Amino acid sequence: MRSTGGSTTSSALCSRSFPTGRPARPARSAPADTPFLFDSNGNAGNTAWWNGRIVGSWVQDGQDPAAPVLLLVPDDLARDARSALEQQAERLTAWLDGVRITNVYASPQMRGARLP
């Protein structure tokens, strides 16, 4: 979390995040994005959060031995949000140090579907 001129912003990358059950999901993600961020049973896969909302997801590069974290976020995501999430991805990549995270709850976006 960081303060930007009196307002506080936050970014996070989560694995197998459960954003407080099905009824709260529309409040946590854009309605058009929800089918891409949750699997057919309603489980969230790896999620990218900005200011309390799910804005996309993340995966690890399956071809690179270093297994860097790759963001899957909309092209029109605000520059400050993208920058903060990229920093989080770099931190997570360094912390994982080549270890691959396996998630049985892979959302459609994690399997290659693009957000609308």
Protein backbone atom coordinates (compact mmCIF):
# COMPACT_ATOMS: atom_id res chain seq x y z
CA MET A 1 0.00 0.00 0.00
CA ARG A 2 1.24 3.49 -0.74
CA SER A 3 -0.01 7.01 -0.26
CA THR A 4 -0.35 9.27 -3.27
CA GLY A 5 -1.09 12.81 -2.28
CA GLY A 6 -3.58 12.06 0.46
CA SER A 7 -5.16 8.97 -1.11
CA THR A 8 -4.05 5.42 -0.49
CA THR A 9 -3.63 2.90 -3.29
CA SER A 10 -2.89 -0.79 -3.06
CA SER A 11 -1.88 -3.58 -5.37
CA ALA A 12 -1.53 -7.32 -4.79
CA LEU A 13 -1.05 -10.59 -6.60
CA CYS A 14 -2.90 -13.49 -4.98
CA SER A 15 -3.04 -17.22 -5.61
CA ARG A 16 -6.34 -19.03 -5.16
CA SER A 17 -8.06 -16.01 -3.80
CA PHE A 18 -11.62 -16.34 -2.49
CA PRO A 19 -13.10 -12.83 -2.58
CA THR A 20 -15.79 -13.33 0.07
CA GLY A 21 -18.14 -15.64 -1.82
CA ARG A 22 -20.26 -15.43 -4.95
CA PRO A 23 -22.54 -12.55 -3.92
CA ALA A 24 -19.59 -10.18 -3.42
CA ARG A 25 -17.81 -11.06 -6.66
CA PRO A 26 -19.50 -8.45 -8.86
CA ALA A 27 -18.35 -5.82 -6.35
CA ARG A 28 -14.79 -7.13 -6.58
CA SER A 29 -14.53 -7.36 -10.39
CA ALA A 30 -16.17 -5.81 -13.43
CA PRO A 31 -19.29 -7.85 -14.32
CA ALA A 32 -18.04 -8.45 -17.88
CA ASP A 33 -14.73 -9.79 -16.51
CA THR A 34 -16.20 -12.17 -13.90
CA PRO A 35 -16.61 -15.19 -16.25
CA PHE A 36 -12.94 -14.90 -17.20
CA LEU A 37 -11.61 -14.62 -13.64
CA PHE A 38 -13.44 -17.57 -12.02
CA ASP A 39 -13.59 -21.22 -13.04
CA SER A 40 -16.86 -23.06 -13.72
CA ASN A 41 -17.28 -23.81 -9.99
CA GLY A 42 -16.80 -20.17 -8.99
CA ASN A 43 -13.23 -20.50 -7.71
CA ALA A 44 -10.85 -17.64 -8.35
CA GLY A 45 -7.50 -18.53 -9.84
CA ASN A 46 -4.42 -16.32 -9.48
CA THR A 47 -5.72 -12.78 -9.26
CA ALA A 48 -4.28 -9.29 -9.71
CA TRP A 49 -5.86 -6.67 -7.43
CA TRP A 50 -5.85 -2.88 -7.62
CA ASN A 51 -7.52 -0.75 -4.93
CA GLY A 52 -9.70 -3.57 -3.64
CA ARG A 53 -10.87 -4.81 -7.05
CA ILE A 54 -9.79 -7.75 -9.17
CA VAL A 55 -8.43 -6.31 -12.41
CA GLY A 56 -6.93 -9.44 -13.96
CA SER A 57 -4.81 -12.44 -13.17
CA TRP A 58 -1.26 -13.72 -13.39
CA VAL A 59 0.57 -16.81 -14.57
CA GLN A 60 4.17 -17.94 -14.74
CA ASP A 61 6.01 -18.26 -18.04
CA GLY A 62 6.02 -22.00 -18.70
CA GLN A 63 8.92 -21.82 -21.16
CA ASP A 64 11.39 -19.79 -19.10
CA PRO A 65 13.39 -21.75 -16.46
CA ALA A 66 13.26 -18.67 -14.20
CA ALA A 67 9.41 -18.93 -14.25
CA PRO A 68 8.79 -15.16 -14.25
CA VAL A 69 5.34 -13.93 -13.23
CA LEU A 70 3.37 -12.54 -16.18
CA LEU A 71 0.41 -10.20 -15.71
CA LEU A 72 -2.85 -10.76 -17.57
CA VAL A 73 -4.59 -7.40 -17.25
CA PRO A 74 -6.68 -5.28 -19.63
CA ASP A 75 -4.84 -3.12 -22.13
CA ASP A 76 -6.68 -0.05 -20.84
CA LEU A 77 -5.63 -0.52 -17.19
CA ALA A 78 -4.45 2.79 -15.73
CA ARG A 79 -0.71 3.37 -15.98
CA ASP A 80 -0.23 3.65 -12.20
CA ALA A 81 -2.12 0.40 -11.63
CA ARG A 82 -0.10 -1.43 -14.29
CA SER A 83 3.17 -0.05 -12.88
CA ALA A 84 2.31 -1.09 -9.32
CA LEU A 85 1.26 -4.58 -10.44
CA GLU A 86 4.41 -4.96 -12.55
CA GLN A 87 6.45 -4.15 -9.43
CA GLN A 88 4.49 -6.79 -7.51
CA ALA A 89 5.14 -9.31 -10.32
CA GLU A 90 8.88 -8.60 -10.15
CA ARG A 91 8.85 -9.01 -6.36
CA LEU A 92 6.91 -12.29 -6.59
CA THR A 93 9.22 -13.60 -9.34
CA ALA A 94 12.27 -12.85 -7.17
CA TRP A 95 10.67 -14.41 -4.08
CA LEU A 96 9.65 -17.59 -5.93
CA ASP A 97 13.18 -17.87 -7.35
CA GLY A 98 12.22 -20.27 -10.16
CA VAL A 99 9.70 -22.31 -8.14
CA ARG A 100 6.50 -22.85 -10.12
CA ILE A 101 3.13 -22.43 -8.43
CA THR A 102 0.51 -24.97 -9.50
CA ASN A 103 -3.11 -23.93 -9.16
CA VAL A 104 -5.89 -26.46 -9.77
CA TYR A 105 -8.36 -23.57 -9.92
CA ALA A 106 -7.22 -22.10 -13.23
CA SER A 107 -9.63 -19.43 -14.41
CA PRO A 108 -10.44 -19.11 -18.13
CA GLN A 109 -8.12 -16.09 -18.28
CA MET A 110 -5.27 -18.12 -16.79
CA ARG A 111 -5.87 -20.73 -19.53
CA GLY A 112 -5.52 -18.09 -22.26
CA ALA A 113 -8.92 -16.37 -22.57
CA ARG A 114 -8.61 -12.59 -22.92
CA LEU A 115 -10.67 -10.15 -20.90
CA PRO A 116 -13.34 -8.41 -23.02
